[in-house]
């Protein structure tokens, strides 16, 4: 089986972005391109977020650390209990942890916000979403698939032995 040729140099201007929208707050045009460069342990994405929107809910990671490099625009970095202004040229960090490291990038500027997102690619991850009380657990099955479960603690939760023969 042949492997796709990797490109050690990628031009942001030639990337084909995936455009999507969810509800009234979330909208983005983005693409992950680390695999194109042959990166296995490091993920990188390019993101364009319109004014007044965010590309993801407020969340924190238990395993993956993230770094955001602001290329164009400005906004507010919601981090823990703080709301911090940022602008082009700033770098935002999102270490692992609990609610104190929960984060969300919101474009509060008047133009499109452009940034790079960089993260270590964990095989297994747990994310929490403090605003909605949800959590998500995921595990990489192969290069193109993840096993995911999203829920709320105490809801739709099965006991460990539930349904097991002879238990």
N, C-alpha and C. Protein backbone atom coordinates (compact mmCIF):
# COMPACT_ATOMS: atom_id res chain seq x y z
N UNK A 1 0.84 -1.18 0.00
CA UNK A 1 0.00 0.00 0.00
C UNK A 1 0.89 1.24 0.00
N UNK A 2 0.71 2.12 -0.96
CA UNK A 2 1.55 3.31 -1.04
C UNK A 2 1.02 4.40 -0.11
N UNK A 3 1.94 5.16 0.40
CA UNK A 3 1.60 6.24 1.31
C UNK A 3 1.61 7.56 0.54
N UNK A 4 0.70 8.46 0.88
CA UNK A 4 0.64 9.76 0.21
C UNK A 4 1.96 10.49 0.43
N UNK A 5 2.43 11.16 -0.61
CA UNK A 5 3.67 11.91 -0.52
C UNK A 5 3.48 13.09 0.42
N UNK A 6 4.41 13.26 1.34
CA UNK A 6 4.34 14.38 2.27
C UNK A 6 5.00 15.60 1.64
N UNK A 7 4.57 16.75 2.10
CA UNK A 7 5.12 18.02 1.62
C UNK A 7 5.75 18.74 2.80
N UNK A 8 7.05 18.95 2.80
CA UNK A 8 7.68 19.63 3.92
C UNK A 8 7.39 21.12 3.96
N UNK A 9 6.87 21.67 2.86
CA UNK A 9 6.50 23.08 2.81
C UNK A 9 5.05 23.18 2.37
N UNK A 10 4.24 23.90 3.14
CA UNK A 10 2.83 24.10 2.82
C UNK A 10 2.56 25.60 2.76
N UNK A 11 1.89 26.05 1.73
CA UNK A 11 1.52 27.46 1.61
C UNK A 11 0.10 27.64 2.14
N UNK A 12 -0.08 28.48 3.12
CA UNK A 12 -1.41 28.71 3.69
C UNK A 12 -2.40 29.20 2.63
N UNK A 13 -1.93 29.96 1.67
CA UNK A 13 -2.82 30.52 0.64
C UNK A 13 -3.37 29.48 -0.31
N UNK A 14 -2.78 28.29 -0.35
CA UNK A 14 -3.26 27.25 -1.27
C UNK A 14 -4.07 26.15 -0.57
N UNK A 15 -4.21 26.23 0.73
CA UNK A 15 -4.97 25.20 1.45
C UNK A 15 -6.46 25.30 1.13
N UNK A 16 -7.10 24.16 0.94
CA UNK A 16 -8.55 24.11 0.70
C UNK A 16 -9.25 23.99 2.05
N UNK A 17 -9.94 25.05 2.44
CA UNK A 17 -10.55 25.12 3.76
C UNK A 17 -11.92 24.46 3.78
N UNK A 18 -12.24 23.85 4.91
CA UNK A 18 -13.57 23.30 5.15
C UNK A 18 -14.38 24.40 5.84
N UNK A 19 -15.47 24.84 5.21
CA UNK A 19 -16.31 25.90 5.77
C UNK A 19 -17.51 25.27 6.45
N UNK A 20 -17.81 25.73 7.66
CA UNK A 20 -18.94 25.18 8.40
C UNK A 20 -19.52 26.24 9.32
N UNK A 21 -20.72 25.98 9.81
CA UNK A 21 -21.44 26.90 10.69
C UNK A 21 -22.34 26.07 11.60
N UNK A 22 -22.44 26.47 12.87
CA UNK A 22 -23.30 25.77 13.83
C UNK A 22 -23.98 26.81 14.71
N UNK A 23 -25.29 26.92 14.60
CA UNK A 23 -26.03 27.86 15.42
C UNK A 23 -25.65 29.30 15.11
N UNK A 24 -25.76 30.16 16.12
CA UNK A 24 -25.50 31.58 15.92
C UNK A 24 -24.10 32.02 16.33
N UNK A 25 -23.38 31.22 17.12
CA UNK A 25 -22.07 31.63 17.63
C UNK A 25 -20.89 30.99 16.90
N UNK A 26 -21.07 29.80 16.33
CA UNK A 26 -19.92 29.04 15.83
C UNK A 26 -19.87 29.03 14.31
N UNK A 27 -18.70 29.45 13.79
CA UNK A 27 -18.49 29.43 12.35
C UNK A 27 -16.99 29.50 12.09
N UNK A 28 -16.54 28.77 11.07
CA UNK A 28 -15.11 28.78 10.75
C UNK A 28 -14.88 28.24 9.35
N UNK A 29 -13.75 28.58 8.81
CA UNK A 29 -13.19 27.94 7.62
C UNK A 29 -11.82 27.48 8.08
N UNK A 30 -11.57 26.18 8.05
CA UNK A 30 -10.33 25.69 8.63
C UNK A 30 -9.87 24.40 7.98
N UNK A 31 -8.66 24.02 8.29
CA UNK A 31 -8.12 22.75 7.81
C UNK A 31 -6.95 22.34 8.70
N UNK A 32 -6.88 21.05 9.00
CA UNK A 32 -5.71 20.48 9.67
C UNK A 32 -4.77 20.00 8.57
N UNK A 33 -3.50 20.36 8.67
CA UNK A 33 -2.59 20.00 7.59
C UNK A 33 -1.28 19.37 8.05
N UNK A 34 -1.18 18.99 9.30
CA UNK A 34 0.03 18.35 9.80
C UNK A 34 0.37 17.06 9.09
N UNK A 35 -0.66 16.25 8.79
CA UNK A 35 -0.44 14.97 8.09
C UNK A 35 0.17 15.21 6.71
N UNK A 36 -0.26 16.30 6.04
CA UNK A 36 0.28 16.62 4.72
C UNK A 36 1.79 16.86 4.79
N UNK A 37 2.24 17.32 5.95
CA UNK A 37 3.67 17.62 6.13
C UNK A 37 4.44 16.43 6.70
N UNK A 38 3.74 15.32 6.96
CA UNK A 38 4.38 14.14 7.51
C UNK A 38 4.49 14.15 9.02
N UNK A 39 3.81 15.10 9.68
CA UNK A 39 3.86 15.19 11.14
C UNK A 39 2.94 14.14 11.76
N UNK A 40 3.46 13.39 12.71
CA UNK A 40 2.64 12.36 13.36
C UNK A 40 2.27 12.76 14.78
N UNK A 41 3.17 13.31 15.53
CA UNK A 41 2.91 13.65 16.92
C UNK A 41 2.49 15.09 17.14
N UNK A 42 2.45 15.87 16.07
CA UNK A 42 2.13 17.29 16.18
C UNK A 42 1.03 17.63 15.19
N UNK A 43 -0.07 18.18 15.69
CA UNK A 43 -1.15 18.62 14.82
C UNK A 43 -1.07 20.11 14.59
N UNK A 44 -1.44 20.55 13.40
CA UNK A 44 -1.46 21.98 13.12
C UNK A 44 -2.65 22.27 12.20
N UNK A 45 -3.32 23.37 12.49
CA UNK A 45 -4.46 23.77 11.67
C UNK A 45 -4.37 25.25 11.38
N UNK A 46 -5.01 25.63 10.26
CA UNK A 46 -5.17 27.03 9.89
C UNK A 46 -6.65 27.33 10.02
N UNK A 47 -7.00 28.45 10.66
CA UNK A 47 -8.39 28.79 10.95
C UNK A 47 -8.71 30.22 10.57
N UNK A 48 -9.89 30.42 9.97
CA UNK A 48 -10.43 31.75 9.69
C UNK A 48 -11.80 31.81 10.36
N UNK A 49 -11.97 32.77 11.25
CA UNK A 49 -13.22 32.91 12.00
C UNK A 49 -13.80 34.29 11.74
N UNK A 50 -15.06 34.37 11.27
CA UNK A 50 -15.68 35.67 11.00
C UNK A 50 -15.91 36.48 12.28
N UNK A 51 -16.08 37.78 12.11
CA UNK A 51 -16.35 38.68 13.24
C UNK A 51 -17.58 38.19 14.00
N UNK A 52 -17.50 38.23 15.32
CA UNK A 52 -18.62 37.85 16.18
C UNK A 52 -18.77 36.36 16.40
N UNK A 53 -17.86 35.54 15.89
CA UNK A 53 -17.99 34.09 15.97
C UNK A 53 -16.81 33.45 16.71
N UNK A 54 -16.99 32.18 17.04
CA UNK A 54 -15.94 31.35 17.63
C UNK A 54 -15.91 30.05 16.85
N UNK A 55 -14.76 29.37 16.86
CA UNK A 55 -14.67 28.10 16.13
C UNK A 55 -14.95 26.89 17.01
N UNK A 56 -15.07 27.08 18.32
CA UNK A 56 -15.36 25.94 19.20
C UNK A 56 -15.91 26.42 20.55
N UNK A 57 -16.59 25.53 21.26
CA UNK A 57 -17.08 25.88 22.59
C UNK A 57 -15.92 26.02 23.60
N UNK A 58 -16.21 26.62 24.72
CA UNK A 58 -15.31 26.75 25.86
C UNK A 58 -15.01 25.32 26.35
N UNK A 59 -13.73 24.95 26.39
CA UNK A 59 -13.38 23.57 26.75
C UNK A 59 -11.99 23.49 27.36
N UNK A 60 -11.70 22.39 28.03
CA UNK A 60 -10.36 22.10 28.53
C UNK A 60 -9.98 20.67 28.18
N UNK A 61 -8.68 20.46 28.05
CA UNK A 61 -8.13 19.16 27.69
C UNK A 61 -7.42 18.53 28.89
N UNK A 62 -7.49 17.21 28.97
CA UNK A 62 -6.76 16.50 30.01
C UNK A 62 -5.40 16.01 29.51
N UNK A 63 -5.23 15.87 28.18
CA UNK A 63 -3.99 15.30 27.64
C UNK A 63 -3.30 16.24 26.64
N UNK A 64 -4.03 16.77 25.70
CA UNK A 64 -3.43 17.60 24.65
C UNK A 64 -3.24 19.05 25.10
N UNK A 65 -2.07 19.58 24.79
CA UNK A 65 -1.80 20.99 24.99
C UNK A 65 -1.94 21.69 23.65
N UNK A 66 -2.40 22.94 23.69
CA UNK A 66 -2.60 23.69 22.46
C UNK A 66 -1.89 25.04 22.52
N UNK A 67 -1.55 25.53 21.34
CA UNK A 67 -0.90 26.82 21.17
C UNK A 67 -1.55 27.48 19.96
N UNK A 68 -1.89 28.75 20.07
CA UNK A 68 -2.54 29.47 18.98
C UNK A 68 -1.70 30.68 18.61
N UNK A 69 -1.37 30.80 17.34
CA UNK A 69 -0.55 31.91 16.83
C UNK A 69 -1.48 32.79 16.01
N UNK A 70 -1.70 34.02 16.46
CA UNK A 70 -2.64 34.92 15.81
C UNK A 70 -1.93 35.61 14.64
N UNK A 71 -2.45 35.37 13.44
CA UNK A 71 -1.85 35.93 12.23
C UNK A 71 -2.47 37.26 11.84
N UNK A 72 -3.81 37.34 11.89
CA UNK A 72 -4.54 38.55 11.50
C UNK A 72 -5.76 38.70 12.40
N UNK A 73 -6.14 39.94 12.67
CA UNK A 73 -7.35 40.21 13.44
C UNK A 73 -7.08 40.38 14.92
N UNK A 74 -8.19 40.39 15.66
CA UNK A 74 -8.12 40.55 17.11
C UNK A 74 -9.32 39.89 17.73
N UNK A 75 -9.28 39.73 19.03
CA UNK A 75 -10.41 39.08 19.69
C UNK A 75 -10.22 39.01 21.18
N UNK A 76 -10.99 38.11 21.77
CA UNK A 76 -10.95 37.88 23.21
C UNK A 76 -10.65 36.40 23.45
N UNK A 77 -9.67 36.16 24.31
CA UNK A 77 -9.31 34.79 24.69
C UNK A 77 -9.95 34.52 26.03
N UNK A 78 -10.96 33.70 26.01
CA UNK A 78 -11.60 33.28 27.26
C UNK A 78 -10.75 32.16 27.82
N UNK A 79 -10.15 32.39 28.98
CA UNK A 79 -9.24 31.43 29.59
C UNK A 79 -9.57 31.33 31.07
N UNK A 80 -10.08 30.18 31.51
CA UNK A 80 -10.52 30.03 32.90
C UNK A 80 -11.59 31.07 33.19
N UNK A 81 -11.40 31.85 34.23
CA UNK A 81 -12.36 32.90 34.60
C UNK A 81 -12.03 34.25 33.97
N UNK A 82 -10.97 34.30 33.15
CA UNK A 82 -10.54 35.57 32.56
C UNK A 82 -11.00 35.73 31.12
N UNK A 83 -11.05 36.98 30.69
CA UNK A 83 -11.28 37.33 29.28
C UNK A 83 -10.14 38.28 28.91
N UNK A 84 -9.26 37.79 28.04
CA UNK A 84 -8.04 38.50 27.72
C UNK A 84 -8.05 38.96 26.27
N UNK A 85 -7.78 40.25 26.02
CA UNK A 85 -7.73 40.72 24.64
C UNK A 85 -6.46 40.22 23.94
N UNK A 86 -6.56 39.98 22.63
CA UNK A 86 -5.37 39.62 21.85
C UNK A 86 -5.47 40.26 20.48
N UNK A 87 -4.32 40.28 19.78
CA UNK A 87 -4.25 40.87 18.44
C UNK A 87 -3.23 40.10 17.62
N UNK A 88 -3.15 40.44 16.33
CA UNK A 88 -2.17 39.80 15.44
C UNK A 88 -0.78 39.90 16.05
N UNK A 89 -0.04 38.80 15.99
CA UNK A 89 1.31 38.74 16.56
C UNK A 89 1.34 38.13 17.94
N UNK A 90 0.18 37.95 18.58
CA UNK A 90 0.13 37.35 19.91
C UNK A 90 0.10 35.83 19.80
N UNK A 91 0.56 35.15 20.85
CA UNK A 91 0.54 33.70 20.94
C UNK A 91 -0.21 33.33 22.21
N UNK A 92 -1.20 32.43 22.07
CA UNK A 92 -2.05 32.03 23.19
C UNK A 92 -1.75 30.59 23.56
N UNK A 93 -1.60 30.32 24.84
CA UNK A 93 -1.33 28.97 25.31
C UNK A 93 -2.52 28.35 26.01
N UNK A 94 -2.68 27.05 25.84
CA UNK A 94 -3.76 26.31 26.50
C UNK A 94 -3.19 25.00 27.06
N UNK A 95 -2.66 25.06 28.30
CA UNK A 95 -2.12 23.84 28.91
C UNK A 95 -3.25 22.90 29.34
N UNK A 96 -2.88 21.68 29.66
CA UNK A 96 -3.85 20.72 30.17
C UNK A 96 -4.30 21.13 31.57
N UNK A 97 -5.44 20.62 31.98
CA UNK A 97 -5.93 20.89 33.32
C UNK A 97 -7.44 20.84 33.39
N UNK A 98 -7.98 21.46 34.42
CA UNK A 98 -9.42 21.50 34.64
C UNK A 98 -10.01 22.81 34.14
N UNK A 99 -11.10 23.21 34.78
CA UNK A 99 -11.81 24.43 34.36
C UNK A 99 -10.89 25.65 34.33
N UNK A 100 -9.86 25.65 35.17
CA UNK A 100 -8.94 26.80 35.22
C UNK A 100 -8.15 26.96 33.92
N UNK A 101 -8.09 25.93 33.08
CA UNK A 101 -7.41 26.04 31.79
C UNK A 101 -8.39 25.95 30.61
N UNK A 102 -9.68 25.95 30.89
CA UNK A 102 -10.66 25.94 29.80
C UNK A 102 -10.44 27.19 28.97
N UNK A 103 -10.65 27.07 27.66
CA UNK A 103 -10.32 28.16 26.76
C UNK A 103 -11.25 28.21 25.56
N UNK A 104 -11.34 29.40 24.98
CA UNK A 104 -12.14 29.64 23.79
C UNK A 104 -11.65 30.93 23.15
N UNK A 105 -11.47 30.88 21.84
CA UNK A 105 -11.08 32.06 21.07
C UNK A 105 -12.34 32.65 20.46
N UNK A 106 -12.59 33.91 20.73
CA UNK A 106 -13.78 34.59 20.20
C UNK A 106 -13.32 35.79 19.38
N UNK A 107 -13.80 35.88 18.14
CA UNK A 107 -13.46 37.01 17.30
C UNK A 107 -14.37 38.17 17.69
N UNK A 108 -13.87 39.08 18.50
CA UNK A 108 -14.61 40.27 18.90
C UNK A 108 -14.20 41.49 18.07
N UNK A 109 -13.37 41.25 17.06
CA UNK A 109 -12.93 42.32 16.16
C UNK A 109 -13.92 42.53 15.02
N UNK A 110 -13.56 43.41 14.09
CA UNK A 110 -14.44 43.77 12.97
C UNK A 110 -14.08 43.04 11.68
N UNK A 111 -12.94 42.31 11.67
CA UNK A 111 -12.49 41.61 10.46
C UNK A 111 -12.33 40.12 10.75
N UNK A 112 -12.05 39.37 9.71
CA UNK A 112 -11.82 37.93 9.87
C UNK A 112 -10.58 37.70 10.73
N UNK A 113 -10.69 36.79 11.68
CA UNK A 113 -9.59 36.39 12.55
C UNK A 113 -8.90 35.19 11.91
N UNK A 114 -7.58 35.26 11.74
CA UNK A 114 -6.81 34.16 11.17
C UNK A 114 -5.77 33.71 12.19
N UNK A 115 -5.72 32.40 12.42
CA UNK A 115 -4.72 31.89 13.36
C UNK A 115 -4.33 30.46 13.04
N UNK A 116 -3.16 30.08 13.55
CA UNK A 116 -2.70 28.70 13.49
C UNK A 116 -2.93 28.07 14.85
N UNK A 117 -3.41 26.84 14.86
CA UNK A 117 -3.55 26.06 16.09
C UNK A 117 -2.57 24.90 16.04
N UNK A 118 -1.79 24.74 17.11
CA UNK A 118 -0.79 23.68 17.18
C UNK A 118 -1.06 22.87 18.44
N UNK A 119 -1.01 21.52 18.33
CA UNK A 119 -1.26 20.67 19.49
C UNK A 119 -0.48 19.37 19.36
N UNK A 120 -0.16 18.77 20.51
CA UNK A 120 0.39 17.42 20.47
C UNK A 120 -0.77 16.46 20.18
N UNK A 121 -0.56 15.51 19.28
CA UNK A 121 -1.61 14.56 18.90
C UNK A 121 -1.62 13.39 19.89
N UNK A 122 -2.56 13.40 20.80
CA UNK A 122 -2.67 12.31 21.77
C UNK A 122 -3.49 11.17 21.19
N UNK A 123 -3.11 9.95 21.51
CA UNK A 123 -3.89 8.79 21.07
C UNK A 123 -5.24 8.76 21.78
N UNK A 124 -5.27 9.17 23.03
CA UNK A 124 -6.50 9.19 23.82
C UNK A 124 -6.63 10.56 24.49
N UNK A 125 -7.83 11.09 24.51
CA UNK A 125 -8.06 12.44 25.06
C UNK A 125 -9.39 12.49 25.80
N UNK A 126 -9.43 13.33 26.82
CA UNK A 126 -10.65 13.66 27.54
C UNK A 126 -10.78 15.18 27.52
N UNK A 127 -11.93 15.67 27.04
CA UNK A 127 -12.22 17.11 27.04
C UNK A 127 -13.46 17.35 27.89
N UNK A 128 -13.47 18.46 28.59
CA UNK A 128 -14.65 18.89 29.33
C UNK A 128 -15.13 20.22 28.76
N UNK A 129 -16.45 20.43 28.82
CA UNK A 129 -17.09 21.64 28.31
C UNK A 129 -17.86 22.28 29.45
N UNK A 130 -17.22 23.18 30.22
CA UNK A 130 -17.83 23.74 31.43
C UNK A 130 -19.17 24.45 31.22
N UNK A 131 -19.38 25.11 30.08
CA UNK A 131 -20.64 25.83 29.87
C UNK A 131 -21.83 24.89 29.77
N UNK A 132 -21.64 23.71 29.18
CA UNK A 132 -22.74 22.79 28.97
C UNK A 132 -22.71 21.58 29.90
N UNK A 133 -21.64 21.43 30.67
CA UNK A 133 -21.52 20.30 31.58
C UNK A 133 -21.23 18.98 30.88
N UNK A 134 -20.80 19.04 29.62
CA UNK A 134 -20.50 17.83 28.87
C UNK A 134 -19.04 17.43 29.03
N UNK A 135 -18.77 16.19 28.62
CA UNK A 135 -17.41 15.71 28.46
C UNK A 135 -17.36 14.90 27.18
N UNK A 136 -16.15 14.76 26.64
CA UNK A 136 -15.95 13.89 25.47
C UNK A 136 -14.68 13.09 25.68
N UNK A 137 -14.78 11.80 25.44
CA UNK A 137 -13.64 10.90 25.50
C UNK A 137 -13.41 10.39 24.09
N UNK A 138 -12.17 10.41 23.64
CA UNK A 138 -11.87 9.91 22.30
C UNK A 138 -10.57 9.12 22.31
N UNK A 139 -10.51 8.16 21.39
CA UNK A 139 -9.32 7.35 21.25
C UNK A 139 -9.10 7.10 19.75
N UNK A 140 -7.88 7.29 19.30
CA UNK A 140 -7.55 7.11 17.88
C UNK A 140 -7.54 5.61 17.56
N UNK A 141 -8.36 5.22 16.58
CA UNK A 141 -8.42 3.83 16.12
C UNK A 141 -7.36 3.60 15.04
N UNK A 142 -7.29 4.53 14.10
CA UNK A 142 -6.25 4.52 13.08
C UNK A 142 -6.06 5.96 12.61
N UNK A 143 -5.29 6.15 11.56
CA UNK A 143 -4.94 7.51 11.11
C UNK A 143 -6.16 8.35 10.74
N UNK A 144 -7.25 7.71 10.34
CA UNK A 144 -8.42 8.46 9.88
C UNK A 144 -9.67 8.30 10.74
N UNK A 145 -9.58 7.57 11.83
CA UNK A 145 -10.77 7.30 12.64
C UNK A 145 -10.50 7.42 14.13
N UNK A 146 -11.50 7.94 14.84
CA UNK A 146 -11.46 8.01 16.30
C UNK A 146 -12.73 7.41 16.86
N UNK A 147 -12.62 6.76 17.99
CA UNK A 147 -13.77 6.31 18.76
C UNK A 147 -14.10 7.45 19.71
N UNK A 148 -15.36 7.94 19.71
CA UNK A 148 -15.73 9.10 20.53
C UNK A 148 -17.00 8.83 21.33
N UNK A 149 -17.01 9.37 22.54
CA UNK A 149 -18.23 9.34 23.35
C UNK A 149 -18.38 10.71 24.00
N UNK A 150 -19.56 11.30 23.82
CA UNK A 150 -19.86 12.60 24.41
C UNK A 150 -21.06 12.40 25.35
N UNK A 151 -20.97 12.92 26.54
CA UNK A 151 -22.07 12.76 27.50
C UNK A 151 -21.96 13.75 28.64
N UNK A 152 -22.80 13.54 29.64
CA UNK A 152 -22.76 14.33 30.87
C UNK A 152 -22.63 13.36 32.03
N UNK A 153 -21.84 13.71 33.01
CA UNK A 153 -21.67 12.83 34.16
C UNK A 153 -23.02 12.56 34.80
N UNK A 154 -23.30 11.29 35.06
CA UNK A 154 -24.55 10.91 35.71
C UNK A 154 -25.71 10.71 34.75
N UNK A 155 -25.56 11.09 33.49
CA UNK A 155 -26.61 10.89 32.50
C UNK A 155 -26.11 9.93 31.44
N UNK A 156 -26.97 9.04 31.01
CA UNK A 156 -26.62 8.05 29.99
C UNK A 156 -25.31 7.35 30.32
N UNK A 157 -25.10 7.13 31.60
CA UNK A 157 -23.88 6.48 32.05
C UNK A 157 -24.23 5.05 32.44
N UNK A 158 -23.50 4.10 31.92
CA UNK A 158 -23.70 2.71 32.27
C UNK A 158 -22.67 2.29 33.30
N UNK A 159 -23.11 1.50 34.24
CA UNK A 159 -22.18 0.94 35.22
C UNK A 159 -21.25 -0.03 34.49
N UNK A 160 -20.08 -0.23 35.03
CA UNK A 160 -19.07 -1.06 34.38
C UNK A 160 -19.58 -2.46 34.04
N UNK A 161 -20.32 -3.08 34.95
CA UNK A 161 -20.77 -4.46 34.76
C UNK A 161 -22.10 -4.57 34.03
N UNK A 162 -22.73 -3.47 33.66
CA UNK A 162 -24.03 -3.48 33.00
C UNK A 162 -24.02 -4.34 31.74
N UNK A 163 -24.93 -5.33 31.66
CA UNK A 163 -25.08 -6.16 30.47
C UNK A 163 -24.06 -7.27 30.30
N UNK A 164 -23.10 -7.39 31.20
CA UNK A 164 -22.09 -8.44 31.06
C UNK A 164 -22.69 -9.77 31.51
N UNK A 165 -22.45 -10.84 30.74
CA UNK A 165 -22.98 -12.16 31.10
C UNK A 165 -22.48 -12.59 32.49
N UNK A 166 -23.40 -13.10 33.31
CA UNK A 166 -23.05 -13.63 34.61
C UNK A 166 -22.73 -12.60 35.67
N UNK A 167 -22.91 -11.31 35.34
CA UNK A 167 -22.54 -10.29 36.33
C UNK A 167 -23.64 -10.07 37.31
